[in-house]
Amino acid sequence: MPAAPKLYRAIIEALRADIAAGSYRPGDRLPPERELVERFDVSRLTVREAIIGMEILGLVEARRGSGVYVSHPSGAALSSAELDIGAFELTEARLVIEGEAAALAAVHAQAGDIADLRAILGRMIEENRGELHDEIADRDFHLRIARTTGNEAVVLVVETLWDVRRRSPLSGGMLERSRRSGVKPRIDDHRAIIDAIESGDPASARQAMRDHLGRVIENLLSATETEADDAESDAAGLRDRARRFAAL
């Protein structure tokens, strides 16, 4: 059975059809996110991914604090199917998988594992001091936790998620916007993850990782915001998602 089409792609194609039919002309403002959420019966995160995908395709221009406006036709080379996975969807998967990896790492970690993680954290601090951040140390940190589990399947899954994060046009575009807004890896978050793993407490390690990746999603929401009245709704949605994950 073929996989169900991604919701953000359906939104892109529907809005692309509206633009082609003249419902929205170049320079027109698209409806606010809350109206698109109601029209398509999806989450705000899904609408946000669709809008960023349309921007990558050259269909719209997002203006922070103002809204999203139809661009002049530019003959975009990509189709919506080629955008692949968005950063919200990917980070939510990481929250589930890497949370459990951190818990398993807390069971198996040895002194050498902790020393390696602290050394990588030192590299992350150095990278954060630079203007351009390539996230090499951040990737190494999370893969080192996966290797600490002693489970090669966990390593493969975590490595695949990071590879998709890098090569997906949609994810890459969203993360680049986050970097341009000044977001960098949070040193305190990563230090808390190390401390929890070193303590040998799986529940604390799991929670530290989930807290960290929850803040990554929050940063993505802030960096991709286009309308001033979205922030309160986004924050409420994040709190609700956090409560659901905590209950797992």
C-alpha atoms as a PDB file:
ATOM      1  CA  MET A   1       0.000   0.000   0.000  1.00  0.00           C
ATOM      2  CA  PRO A   2       1.498   3.396  -0.963  1.00  0.00           C
ATOM      3  CA  ALA A   3       2.267   5.811   1.845  1.00  0.00           C
ATOM      4  CA  ALA A   4      -0.290   8.539   2.489  1.00  0.00           C
ATOM      5  CA  PRO A   5       0.726  11.894   1.001  1.00  0.00           C
ATOM      6  CA  LYS A   6       2.260  14.337   3.431  1.00  0.00           C
ATOM      7  CA  LEU A   7      -0.233  16.909   4.666  1.00  0.00           C
ATOM      8  CA  TYR A   8       2.029  19.879   3.978  1.00  0.00           C
ATOM      9  CA  ARG A   9       2.295  18.833   0.313  1.00  0.00           C
ATOM     10  CA  ALA A  10      -1.500  18.765  -0.021  1.00  0.00           C
ATOM     11  CA  ILE A  11      -1.660  22.302   1.356  1.00  0.00           C
ATOM     12  CA  ILE A  12       1.033  23.488  -1.053  1.00  0.00           C
ATOM     13  CA  GLU A  13      -0.764  21.993  -4.045  1.00  0.00           C
ATOM     14  CA  ALA A  14      -4.123  23.452  -2.974  1.00  0.00           C
ATOM     15  CA  LEU A  15      -2.662  26.932  -2.534  1.00  0.00           C
ATOM     16  CA  ARG A  16      -0.666  26.584  -5.756  1.00  0.00           C
ATOM     17  CA  ALA A  17      -3.969  25.807  -7.530  1.00  0.00           C
ATOM     18  CA  ASP A  18      -5.568  28.878  -5.917  1.00  0.00           C
ATOM     19  CA  ILE A  19      -2.706  31.040  -7.191  1.00  0.00           C
ATOM     20  CA  ALA A  20      -2.938  29.537 -10.692  1.00  0.00           C
ATOM     21  CA  ALA A  21      -6.693  30.178 -10.738  1.00  0.00           C
ATOM     22  CA  GLY A  22      -6.151  33.823  -9.827  1.00  0.00           C
ATOM     23  CA  SER A  23      -7.628  33.620  -6.345  1.00  0.00           C
ATOM     24  CA  TYR A  24      -4.351  35.089  -5.114  1.00  0.00           C
ATOM     25  CA  ARG A  25      -2.276  37.272  -7.420  1.00  0.00           C
ATOM     26  CA  PRO A  26       1.364  38.355  -7.112  1.00  0.00           C
ATOM     27  CA  GLY A  27       1.620  40.736  -4.182  1.00  0.00           C
ATOM     28  CA  ASP A  28      -1.542  39.442  -2.492  1.00  0.00           C
ATOM     29  CA  ARG A  29      -1.340  38.333   1.119  1.00  0.00           C
ATOM     30  CA  LEU A  30      -2.310  34.749   1.864  1.00  0.00           C
ATOM     31  CA  PRO A  31      -4.833  34.142   4.652  1.00  0.00           C
ATOM     32  CA  PRO A  32      -3.395  34.119   8.200  1.00  0.00           C
ATOM     33  CA  GLU A  33      -2.096  30.824   9.543  1.00  0.00           C
ATOM     34  CA  ARG A  34      -5.084  30.372  11.843  1.00  0.00           C
ATOM     35  CA  GLU A  35      -7.431  30.505   8.823  1.00  0.00           C
ATOM     36  CA  LEU A  36      -5.328  27.978   6.924  1.00  0.00           C
ATOM     37  CA  VAL A  37      -5.359  25.716   9.993  1.00  0.00           C
ATOM     38  CA  GLU A  38      -9.160  25.807   9.968  1.00  0.00           C
ATOM     39  CA  ARG A  39      -9.452  25.399   6.184  1.00  0.00           C
ATOM     40  CA  PHE A  40      -7.221  22.342   5.973  1.00  0.00           C
ATOM     41  CA  ASP A  41      -7.971  20.958   9.457  1.00  0.00           C
ATOM     42  CA  VAL A  42      -4.290  20.523  10.318  1.00  0.00           C
ATOM     43  CA  SER A  43      -1.909  21.744  13.011  1.00  0.00           C
ATOM     44  CA  ARG A  44      -0.146  25.084  12.905  1.00  0.00           C
ATOM     45  CA  LEU A  45       3.142  23.197  12.522  1.00  0.00           C
ATOM     46  CA  THR A  46       1.884  21.571   9.306  1.00  0.00           C
ATOM     47  CA  VAL A  47       0.776  24.922   7.906  1.00  0.00           C
ATOM     48  CA  ARG A  48       4.149  26.406   8.852  1.00  0.00           C
ATOM     49  CA  GLU A  49       5.959  23.623   6.953  1.00  0.00           C
ATOM     50  CA  ALA A  50       3.725  24.183   3.917  1.00  0.00           C
ATOM     51  CA  ILE A  51       4.391  27.926   3.872  1.00  0.00           C
ATOM     52  CA  ILE A  52       8.146  27.461   4.168  1.00  0.00           C
ATOM     53  CA  GLY A  53       7.971  24.842   1.433  1.00  0.00           C
ATOM     54  CA  MET A  54       6.149  27.330  -0.809  1.00  0.00           C
ATOM     55  CA  GLU A  55       8.829  29.895  -0.073  1.00  0.00           C
ATOM     56  CA  ILE A  56      11.555  27.422  -1.097  1.00  0.00           C
ATOM     57  CA  LEU A  57       9.603  26.756  -4.301  1.00  0.00           C
ATOM     58  CA  GLY A  58       9.503  30.473  -5.031  1.00  0.00           C
ATOM     59  CA  LEU A  59       5.730  30.715  -4.745  1.00  0.00           C
ATOM     60  CA  VAL A  60       5.512  33.084  -1.777  1.00  0.00           C
ATOM     61  CA  GLU A  61       7.554  35.494   0.315  1.00  0.00           C
ATOM     62  CA  ALA A  62       7.253  35.369   4.105  1.00  0.00           C
ATOM     63  CA  ARG A  63       7.630  38.751   5.803  1.00  0.00           C
ATOM     64  CA  ARG A  64       8.203  38.520   9.521  1.00  0.00           C
ATOM     65  CA  GLY A  65       5.568  40.381  11.498  1.00  0.00           C
ATOM     66  CA  SER A  66       3.456  40.949   8.390  1.00  0.00           C
ATOM     67  CA  GLY A  67       2.435  37.708   6.740  1.00  0.00           C
ATOM     68  CA  VAL A  68       2.962  35.669   3.586  1.00  0.00           C
ATOM     69  CA  TYR A  69       2.669  37.224   0.121  1.00  0.00           C
ATOM     70  CA  VAL A  70       2.393  35.644  -3.321  1.00  0.00           C
ATOM     71  CA  SER A  71       5.572  36.069  -5.339  1.00  0.00           C
ATOM     72  CA  HIS A  72       5.883  36.780  -9.031  1.00  0.00           C
ATOM     73  CA  PRO A  73       6.230  33.502 -10.989  1.00  0.00           C
ATOM     74  CA  SER A  74       9.845  32.332 -11.021  1.00  0.00           C
ATOM     75  CA  GLY A  75       9.715  28.893 -12.638  1.00  0.00           C
ATOM     76  CA  ALA A  76      10.603  26.968  -9.472  1.00  0.00           C
ATOM     77  CA  ALA A  77      12.720  23.902 -10.223  1.00  0.00           C
ATOM     78  CA  LEU A  78      11.413  21.806  -7.316  1.00  0.00           C
ATOM     79  CA  SER A  79       8.041  20.151  -6.930  1.00  0.00           C
ATOM     80  CA  SER A  80       6.381  19.802  -3.532  1.00  0.00           C
ATOM     81  CA  ALA A  81       7.251  16.082  -3.544  1.00  0.00           C
ATOM     82  CA  GLU A  82      10.954  16.939  -3.660  1.00  0.00           C
ATOM     83  CA  LEU A  83      10.885  19.015  -0.477  1.00  0.00           C
ATOM     84  CA  ASP A  84      11.040  15.843   1.634  1.00  0.00           C
ATOM     85  CA  ILE A  85      10.783  16.036   5.451  1.00  0.00           C
ATOM     86  CA  GLY A  86      10.415  19.256   7.400  1.00  0.00           C
ATOM     87  CA  ALA A  87      12.392  20.200  10.490  1.00  0.00           C
ATOM     88  CA  PHE A  88       9.359  20.079  12.806  1.00  0.00           C
ATOM     89  CA  GLU A  89       8.473  16.529  11.798  1.00  0.00           C
ATOM     90  CA  LEU A  90      12.103  15.457  11.936  1.00  0.00           C
ATOM     91  CA  THR A  91      12.780  17.007  15.350  1.00  0.00           C
ATOM     92  CA  GLU A  92       9.655  15.424  16.792  1.00  0.00           C
ATOM     93  CA  ALA A  93      10.928  12.021  15.606  1.00  0.00           C
ATOM     94  CA  ARG A  94      14.300  12.812  17.163  1.00  0.00           C
ATOM     95  CA  LEU A  95      12.566  13.691  20.437  1.00  0.00           C
ATOM     96  CA  VAL A  96      11.052  10.211  20.631  1.00  0.00           C
ATOM     97  CA  ILE A  97      14.060   8.231  19.395  1.00  0.00           C
ATOM     98  CA  GLU A  98      16.920  10.198  20.923  1.00  0.00           C
ATOM     99  CA  GLY A  99      15.080  10.440  24.219  1.00  0.00           C
ATOM    100  CA  GLU A 100      15.137   6.660  24.439  1.00  0.00           C
ATOM    101  CA  ALA A 101      18.746   6.574  23.211  1.00  0.00           C
ATOM    102  CA  ALA A 102      19.747   8.871  26.066  1.00  0.00           C
ATOM    103  CA  ALA A 103      17.928   6.633  28.549  1.00  0.00           C
ATOM    104  CA  LEU A 104      19.734   3.543  27.228  1.00  0.00           C
ATOM    105  CA  ALA A 105      23.046   5.410  27.228  1.00  0.00           C
ATOM    106  CA  ALA A 106      22.548   6.165  30.935  1.00  0.00           C
ATOM    107  CA  VAL A 107      22.408   2.414  31.571  1.00  0.00           C
ATOM    108  CA  HIS A 108      25.596   1.595  29.631  1.00  0.00           C
ATOM    109  CA  ALA A 109      27.796   4.700  29.877  1.00  0.00           C
ATOM    110  CA  GLN A 110      31.386   4.288  31.074  1.00  0.00           C
ATOM    111  CA  ALA A 111      33.861   6.947  32.143  1.00  0.00           C
ATOM    112  CA  GLY A 112      35.334   7.101  28.639  1.00  0.00           C
ATOM    113  CA  ASP A 113      31.927   7.796  27.114  1.00  0.00           C
ATOM    114  CA  ILE A 114      31.347  10.697  29.479  1.00  0.00           C
ATOM    115  CA  ALA A 115      34.822  12.087  28.799  1.00  0.00           C
ATOM    116  CA  ASP A 116      34.163  11.960  25.046  1.00  0.00           C
ATOM    117  CA  LEU A 117      30.840  13.757  25.440  1.00  0.00           C
ATOM    118  CA  ARG A 118      32.417  16.505  27.531  1.00  0.00           C
ATOM    119  CA  ALA A 119      35.191  16.913  24.949  1.00  0.00           C
ATOM    120  CA  ILE A 120      32.605  17.262  22.176  1.00  0.00           C
ATOM    121  CA  LEU A 121      30.751  19.809  24.320  1.00  0.00           C
ATOM    122  CA  GLY A 122      33.980  21.820  24.440  1.00  0.00           C
ATOM    123  CA  ARG A 123      34.095  21.779  20.635  1.00  0.00           C
ATOM    124  CA  MET A 124      30.465  22.905  20.541  1.00  0.00           C
ATOM    125  CA  ILE A 125      31.312  25.889  22.740  1.00  0.00           C
ATOM    126  CA  GLU A 126      34.083  26.858  20.315  1.00  0.00           C
ATOM    127  CA  GLU A 127      31.776  26.482  17.305  1.00  0.00           C
ATOM    128  CA  ASN A 128      29.165  28.693  18.962  1.00  0.00           C
ATOM    129  CA  ARG A 129      31.716  31.503  19.187  1.00  0.00           C
ATOM    130  CA  GLY A 130      31.932  31.667  15.397  1.00  0.00           C
ATOM    131  CA  GLU A 131      29.540  33.589  13.174  1.00  0.00           C
ATOM    132  CA  LEU A 132      28.863  30.608  10.899  1.00  0.00           C
ATOM    133  CA  HIS A 133      27.793  27.434  12.660  1.00  0.00           C
ATOM    134  CA  ASP A 134      28.063  24.146  10.753  1.00  0.00           C
ATOM    135  CA  GLU A 135      26.741  21.969  13.608  1.00  0.00           C
ATOM    136  CA  ILE A 136      29.492  19.346  13.282  1.00  0.00           C
ATOM    137  CA  ALA A 137      30.023  19.128  17.042  1.00  0.00           C
ATOM    138  CA  ASP A 138      26.274  19.047  17.663  1.00  0.00           C
ATOM    139  CA  ARG A 139      25.873  16.066  15.288  1.00  0.00           C
ATOM    140  CA  ASP A 140      28.895  14.320  16.829  1.00  0.00           C
ATOM    141  CA  PHE A 141      27.422  14.807  20.309  1.00  0.00           C
ATOM    142  CA  HIS A 142      24.139  13.111  19.494  1.00  0.00           C
ATOM    143  CA  LEU A 143      25.802  10.293  17.551  1.00  0.00           C
ATOM    144  CA  ARG A 144      28.199   9.696  20.458  1.00  0.00           C
ATOM    145  CA  ILE A 145      25.199   9.219  22.759  1.00  0.00           C
ATOM    146  CA  ALA A 146      23.755   6.727  20.270  1.00  0.00           C
ATOM    147  CA  ARG A 147      27.045   4.805  20.244  1.00  0.00           C
ATOM    148  CA  THR A 148      27.085   4.779  24.046  1.00  0.00           C
ATOM    149  CA  THR A 149      23.937   2.638  23.952  1.00  0.00           C
ATOM    150  CA  GLY A 150      25.992  -0.202  22.457  1.00  0.00           C
ATOM    151  CA  ASN A 151      23.135  -0.817  20.009  1.00  0.00           C
ATOM    152  CA  GLU A 152      24.063  -0.493  16.333  1.00  0.00           C
ATOM    153  CA  ALA A 153      20.422  -0.246  15.276  1.00  0.00           C
ATOM    154  CA  VAL A 154      20.024   2.843  17.477  1.00  0.00           C
ATOM    155  CA  VAL A 155      23.183   4.320  15.941  1.00  0.00           C
ATOM    156  CA  LEU A 156      21.837   3.715  12.432  1.00  0.00           C
ATOM    157  CA  VAL A 157      18.481   5.344  13.164  1.00  0.00           C
ATOM    158  CA  VAL A 158      19.992   8.429  14.819  1.00  0.00           C
ATOM    159  CA  GLU A 159      22.568   8.804  12.049  1.00  0.00           C
ATOM    160  CA  THR A 160      19.840   8.530   9.414  1.00  0.00           C
ATOM    161  CA  LEU A 161      17.758  11.234  11.091  1.00  0.00           C
ATOM    162  CA  TRP A 162      20.744  13.579  11.094  1.00  0.00           C
ATOM    163  CA  ASP A 163      21.530  12.782   7.450  1.00  0.00           C
ATOM    164  CA  VAL A 164      17.924  13.542   6.455  1.00  0.00           C
ATOM    165  CA  ARG A 165      18.117  16.743   8.487  1.00  0.00           C
ATOM    166  CA  ARG A 166      21.046  17.841   6.318  1.00  0.00           C
ATOM    167  CA  ARG A 167      19.872  16.778   2.861  1.00  0.00           C
ATOM    168  CA  SER A 168      16.142  17.560   2.930  1.00  0.00           C
ATOM    169  CA  PRO A 169      15.521  20.930   1.192  1.00  0.00           C
ATOM    170  CA  LEU A 170      12.581  21.709   3.468  1.00  0.00           C
ATOM    171  CA  SER A 171      14.375  20.794   6.686  1.00  0.00           C
ATOM    172  CA  GLY A 172      17.537  22.553   5.546  1.00  0.00           C
ATOM    173  CA  GLY A 173      15.631  25.714   4.657  1.00  0.00           C
ATOM    174  CA  MET A 174      13.865  25.811   8.007  1.00  0.00           C
ATOM    175  CA  LEU A 175      17.073  25.210   9.953  1.00  0.00           C
ATOM    176  CA  GLU A 176      18.934  27.850   7.949  1.00  0.00           C
ATOM    177  CA  ARG A 177      16.259  30.381   8.853  1.00  0.00           C
ATOM    178  CA  SER A 178      16.655  29.387  12.489  1.00  0.00           C
ATOM    179  CA  ARG A 179      20.433  29.894  12.273  1.00  0.00           C
ATOM    180  CA  ARG A 180      19.980  33.291  10.611  1.00  0.00           C
ATOM    181  CA  SER A 181      17.829  34.357  13.556  1.00  0.00           C
ATOM    182  CA  GLY A 182      20.795  33.622  15.850  1.00  0.00           C
ATOM    183  CA  VAL A 183      19.820  30.197  17.185  1.00  0.00           C
ATOM    184  CA  LYS A 184      22.794  28.019  18.145  1.00  0.00           C
ATOM    185  CA  PRO A 185      23.088  24.746  20.091  1.00  0.00           C
ATOM    186  CA  ARG A 186      22.217  25.331  23.739  1.00  0.00           C
ATOM    187  CA  ILE A 187      25.253  24.495  25.828  1.00  0.00           C
ATOM    188  CA  ASP A 188      23.336  24.231  29.104  1.00  0.00           C
ATOM    189  CA  ASP A 189      20.932  21.724  27.530  1.00  0.00           C
ATOM    190  CA  HIS A 190      23.758  19.507  26.301  1.00  0.00           C
ATOM    191  CA  ARG A 191      25.577  19.721  29.626  1.00  0.00           C
ATOM    192  CA  ALA A 192      22.386  18.658  31.424  1.00  0.00           C
ATOM    193  CA  ILE A 193      22.105  15.646  29.110  1.00  0.00           C
ATOM    194  CA  ILE A 194      25.676  14.602  29.923  1.00  0.00           C
ATOM    195  CA  ASP A 195      25.093  15.010  33.664  1.00  0.00           C
ATOM    196  CA  ALA A 196      21.920  12.916  33.488  1.00  0.00           C
ATOM    197  CA  ILE A 197      23.643  10.141  31.536  1.00  0.00           C
ATOM    198  CA  GLU A 198      26.590  10.196  33.935  1.00  0.00           C
ATOM    199  CA  SER A 199      24.202   9.838  36.884  1.00  0.00           C
ATOM    200  CA  GLY A 200      23.046   6.497  35.497  1.00  0.00           C
ATOM    201  CA  ASP A 201      19.398   7.570  35.738  1.00  0.00           C
ATOM    202  CA  PRO A 202      17.540   6.612  32.504  1.00  0.00           C
ATOM    203  CA  ALA A 203      14.435   8.665  33.335  1.00  0.00           C
ATOM    204  CA  SER A 204      16.479  11.831  33.933  1.00  0.00           C
ATOM    205  CA  ALA A 205      18.507  11.292  30.756  1.00  0.00           C
ATOM    206  CA  ARG A 206      15.361  10.743  28.711  1.00  0.00           C
ATOM    207  CA  GLN A 207      13.752  13.890  30.113  1.00  0.00           C
ATOM    208  CA  ALA A 208      16.882  15.994  29.598  1.00  0.00           C
ATOM    209  CA  MET A 209      16.989  15.003  25.925  1.00  0.00           C
ATOM    210  CA  ARG A 210      13.259  15.586  25.454  1.00  0.00           C
ATOM    211  CA  ASP A 211      13.487  18.990  27.133  1.00  0.00           C
ATOM    212  CA  HIS A 212      16.363  19.922  24.826  1.00  0.00           C
ATOM    213  CA  LEU A 213      14.612  18.858  21.625  1.00  0.00           C
ATOM    214  CA  GLY A 214      11.380  20.489  22.764  1.00  0.00           C
ATOM    215  CA  ARG A 215      13.290  23.762  22.944  1.00  0.00           C
ATOM    216  CA  VAL A 216      14.681  23.107  19.458  1.00  0.00           C
ATOM    217  CA  ILE A 217      11.086  22.945  18.186  1.00  0.00           C
ATOM    218  CA  GLU A 218      10.255  26.110  20.111  1.00  0.00           C
ATOM    219  CA  ASN A 219      13.208  27.897  18.483  1.00  0.00           C
ATOM    220  CA  LEU A 220      12.042  26.737  15.038  1.00  0.00           C
ATOM    221  CA  LEU A 221       8.581  28.102  15.716  1.00  0.00           C
ATOM    222  CA  SER A 222       9.996  31.449  16.789  1.00  0.00           C
ATOM    223  CA  ALA A 223      12.351  31.671  13.801  1.00  0.00           C
ATOM    224  CA  THR A 224       9.627  30.859  11.261  1.00  0.00           C
ATOM    225  CA  GLU A 225       6.934  33.083  12.730  1.00  0.00           C
ATOM    226  CA  THR A 226       5.444  35.570  10.263  1.00  0.00           C
ATOM    227  CA  GLU A 227       2.477  36.961  12.187  1.00  0.00           C
ATOM    228  CA  ALA A 228       2.770  38.681  15.530  1.00  0.00           C
ATOM    229  CA  ASP A 229      -0.322  37.013  16.991  1.00  0.00           C
ATOM    230  CA  ASP A 230       0.984  33.477  16.400  1.00  0.00           C
ATOM    231  CA  ALA A 231       3.342  33.342  19.371  1.00  0.00           C
ATOM    232  CA  GLU A 232       0.761  32.783  22.121  1.00  0.00           C
ATOM    233  CA  SER A 233      -0.985  30.002  20.176  1.00  0.00           C
ATOM    234  CA  ASP A 234       2.342  28.348  19.360  1.00  0.00           C
ATOM    235  CA  ALA A 235       3.400  28.415  23.003  1.00  0.00           C
ATOM    236  CA  ALA A 236       0.108  26.850  24.112  1.00  0.00           C
ATOM    237  CA  GLY A 237       0.492  24.129  21.499  1.00  0.00           C
ATOM    238  CA  LEU A 238       4.011  23.363  22.653  1.00  0.00           C
ATOM    239  CA  ARG A 239       2.922  23.090  26.277  1.00  0.00           C
ATOM    240  CA  ASP A 240       0.177  20.664  25.268  1.00  0.00           C
ATOM    241  CA  ARG A 241       2.587  18.519  23.224  1.00  0.00           C
ATOM    242  CA  ALA A 242       5.081  18.522  26.104  1.00  0.00           C
ATOM    243  CA  ARG A 243       2.416  17.253  28.505  1.00  0.00           C
ATOM    244  CA  ARG A 244       1.496  14.430  26.113  1.00  0.00           C
ATOM    245  CA  PHE A 245       5.119  13.340  25.703  1.00  0.00           C
ATOM    246  CA  ALA A 246       5.715  13.462  29.454  1.00  0.00           C
ATOM    247  CA  ALA A 247       2.839  11.015  29.898  1.00  0.00           C
ATOM    248  CA  LEU A 248       4.361   8.423  27.546  1.00  0.00           C
END
